[in-house]
């Protein structure tokens, strides 16, 4: 799963070129397609886990919320 501070359409990863090897899909829209990777916001993913978590938009975290959000993001991965 890809986690970011912003909704997918406002995230830096929304600018991936079309025709990429895989496509990001917002978690509620995701299906079992092996070529899609789920994307959601940090806040929406609280309490959930994934085998692998990719963090995006971390350079834009405000200082007051930064440590808290980074902890939530990093502690969601079971493997990587």
C-alpha atoms as a PDB file:
ATOM      1  CA  UNK A   1       0.000   0.000   0.000  1.00  0.00           C
ATOM      2  CA  UNK A   2       1.130   3.570  -0.698  1.00  0.00           C
ATOM      3  CA  UNK A   3       0.426   6.022   2.132  1.00  0.00           C
ATOM      4  CA  UNK A   4       0.498   9.787   1.805  1.00  0.00           C
ATOM      5  CA  UNK A   5      -0.619  12.905   3.598  1.00  0.00           C
ATOM      6  CA  UNK A   6      -2.928  13.976   0.765  1.00  0.00           C
ATOM      7  CA  UNK A   7      -5.726  12.333  -1.201  1.00  0.00           C
ATOM      8  CA  UNK A   8      -4.459  10.584  -4.338  1.00  0.00           C
ATOM      9  CA  UNK A   9      -5.429  13.370  -6.725  1.00  0.00           C
ATOM     10  CA  UNK A  10      -3.424  15.890  -4.644  1.00  0.00           C
ATOM     11  CA  UNK A  11      -0.413  13.657  -3.983  1.00  0.00           C
ATOM     12  CA  UNK A  12       2.913  13.886  -5.761  1.00  0.00           C
ATOM     13  CA  UNK A  13       2.432  10.326  -7.016  1.00  0.00           C
ATOM     14  CA  UNK A  14      -0.670  11.346  -8.942  1.00  0.00           C
ATOM     15  CA  UNK A  15       1.720  12.597 -11.624  1.00  0.00           C
ATOM     16  CA  UNK A  16       2.995   9.105 -12.506  1.00  0.00           C
ATOM     17  CA  UNK A  17       3.078   8.697 -16.274  1.00  0.00           C
ATOM     18  CA  UNK A  18       0.184   6.849 -17.841  1.00  0.00           C
ATOM     19  CA  UNK A  19       1.059   3.357 -18.955  1.00  0.00           C
ATOM     20  CA  UNK A  20       3.151   2.704 -15.844  1.00  0.00           C
ATOM     21  CA  UNK A  21       3.758  -0.922 -14.896  1.00  0.00           C
ATOM     22  CA  UNK A  22       1.222  -0.566 -12.100  1.00  0.00           C
ATOM     23  CA  UNK A  23      -1.614   1.802 -11.375  1.00  0.00           C
ATOM     24  CA  UNK A  24      -2.425   3.432  -8.037  1.00  0.00           C
ATOM     25  CA  UNK A  25      -6.028   3.097  -6.931  1.00  0.00           C
ATOM     26  CA  UNK A  26      -7.660   4.717  -3.931  1.00  0.00           C
ATOM     27  CA  UNK A  27      -8.323   1.952  -1.353  1.00  0.00           C
ATOM     28  CA  UNK A  28     -12.155   2.011  -1.615  1.00  0.00           C
ATOM     29  CA  UNK A  29     -11.847   1.625  -5.418  1.00  0.00           C
ATOM     30  CA  UNK A  30      -9.263  -1.143  -5.427  1.00  0.00           C
ATOM     31  CA  UNK A  31     -10.021  -4.569  -6.799  1.00  0.00           C
ATOM     32  CA  UNK A  32      -8.072  -7.794  -7.075  1.00  0.00           C
ATOM     33  CA  UNK A  33      -6.172  -6.625 -10.169  1.00  0.00           C
ATOM     34  CA  UNK A  34      -2.528  -7.636  -9.726  1.00  0.00           C
ATOM     35  CA  UNK A  35      -1.388  -4.556 -11.662  1.00  0.00           C
ATOM     36  CA  UNK A  36      -2.906  -2.103  -9.186  1.00  0.00           C
ATOM     37  CA  UNK A  37      -1.448  -0.834  -5.925  1.00  0.00           C
ATOM     38  CA  UNK A  38      -3.715   0.545  -3.194  1.00  0.00           C
ATOM     39  CA  UNK A  39      -3.232   4.170  -2.131  1.00  0.00           C
ATOM     40  CA  UNK A  40      -4.758   5.893   0.860  1.00  0.00           C
ATOM     41  CA  UNK A  41      -4.081   8.729   3.262  1.00  0.00           C
ATOM     42  CA  UNK A  42      -2.213   8.251   6.520  1.00  0.00           C
ATOM     43  CA  UNK A  43      -5.287   9.234   8.518  1.00  0.00           C
ATOM     44  CA  UNK A  44      -7.548   6.732   6.756  1.00  0.00           C
ATOM     45  CA  UNK A  45      -5.074   3.884   7.272  1.00  0.00           C
ATOM     46  CA  UNK A  46      -4.835   4.169  11.079  1.00  0.00           C
ATOM     47  CA  UNK A  47      -5.310   0.760  12.680  1.00  0.00           C
ATOM     48  CA  UNK A  48      -4.751  -1.111   9.416  1.00  0.00           C
ATOM     49  CA  UNK A  49      -1.714  -3.084   8.217  1.00  0.00           C
ATOM     50  CA  UNK A  50      -0.088  -4.125   4.968  1.00  0.00           C
ATOM     51  CA  UNK A  51       2.854  -6.374   4.143  1.00  0.00           C
ATOM     52  CA  UNK A  52       4.678  -3.473   2.479  1.00  0.00           C
ATOM     53  CA  UNK A  53       4.118   0.257   2.987  1.00  0.00           C
ATOM     54  CA  UNK A  54       5.543   2.960   0.732  1.00  0.00           C
ATOM     55  CA  UNK A  55       5.585   6.455   2.216  1.00  0.00           C
ATOM     56  CA  UNK A  56       5.048   9.478  -0.033  1.00  0.00           C
ATOM     57  CA  UNK A  57       4.676  13.233   0.531  1.00  0.00           C
ATOM     58  CA  UNK A  58       6.716  13.067   3.757  1.00  0.00           C
ATOM     59  CA  UNK A  59       8.648  16.216   2.869  1.00  0.00           C
ATOM     60  CA  UNK A  60       5.443  18.215   3.273  1.00  0.00           C
ATOM     61  CA  UNK A  61       4.606  17.252   6.864  1.00  0.00           C
ATOM     62  CA  UNK A  62       4.115  20.114   9.297  1.00  0.00           C
ATOM     63  CA  UNK A  63       6.514  20.035  12.239  1.00  0.00           C
ATOM     64  CA  UNK A  64       3.791  19.626  14.861  1.00  0.00           C
ATOM     65  CA  UNK A  65       2.152  16.644  13.216  1.00  0.00           C
ATOM     66  CA  UNK A  66       5.214  15.183  11.526  1.00  0.00           C
ATOM     67  CA  UNK A  67       6.435  12.711  14.142  1.00  0.00           C
ATOM     68  CA  UNK A  68       2.956  11.422  14.891  1.00  0.00           C
ATOM     69  CA  UNK A  69       2.070  10.842  11.240  1.00  0.00           C
ATOM     70  CA  UNK A  70       5.425   9.274  10.438  1.00  0.00           C
ATOM     71  CA  UNK A  71       4.963   6.837  13.319  1.00  0.00           C
ATOM     72  CA  UNK A  72       1.517   5.864  12.033  1.00  0.00           C
ATOM     73  CA  UNK A  73       2.882   5.374   8.502  1.00  0.00           C
ATOM     74  CA  UNK A  74       5.965   3.388   9.479  1.00  0.00           C
ATOM     75  CA  UNK A  75       4.239   1.145  11.993  1.00  0.00           C
ATOM     76  CA  UNK A  76       1.660  -0.126   9.457  1.00  0.00           C
ATOM     77  CA  UNK A  77       4.083  -2.414   7.581  1.00  0.00           C
ATOM     78  CA  UNK A  78       4.286  -6.064   8.594  1.00  0.00           C
ATOM     79  CA  UNK A  79       7.363  -6.821   6.458  1.00  0.00           C
ATOM     80  CA  UNK A  80       8.822  -3.761   4.725  1.00  0.00           C
END
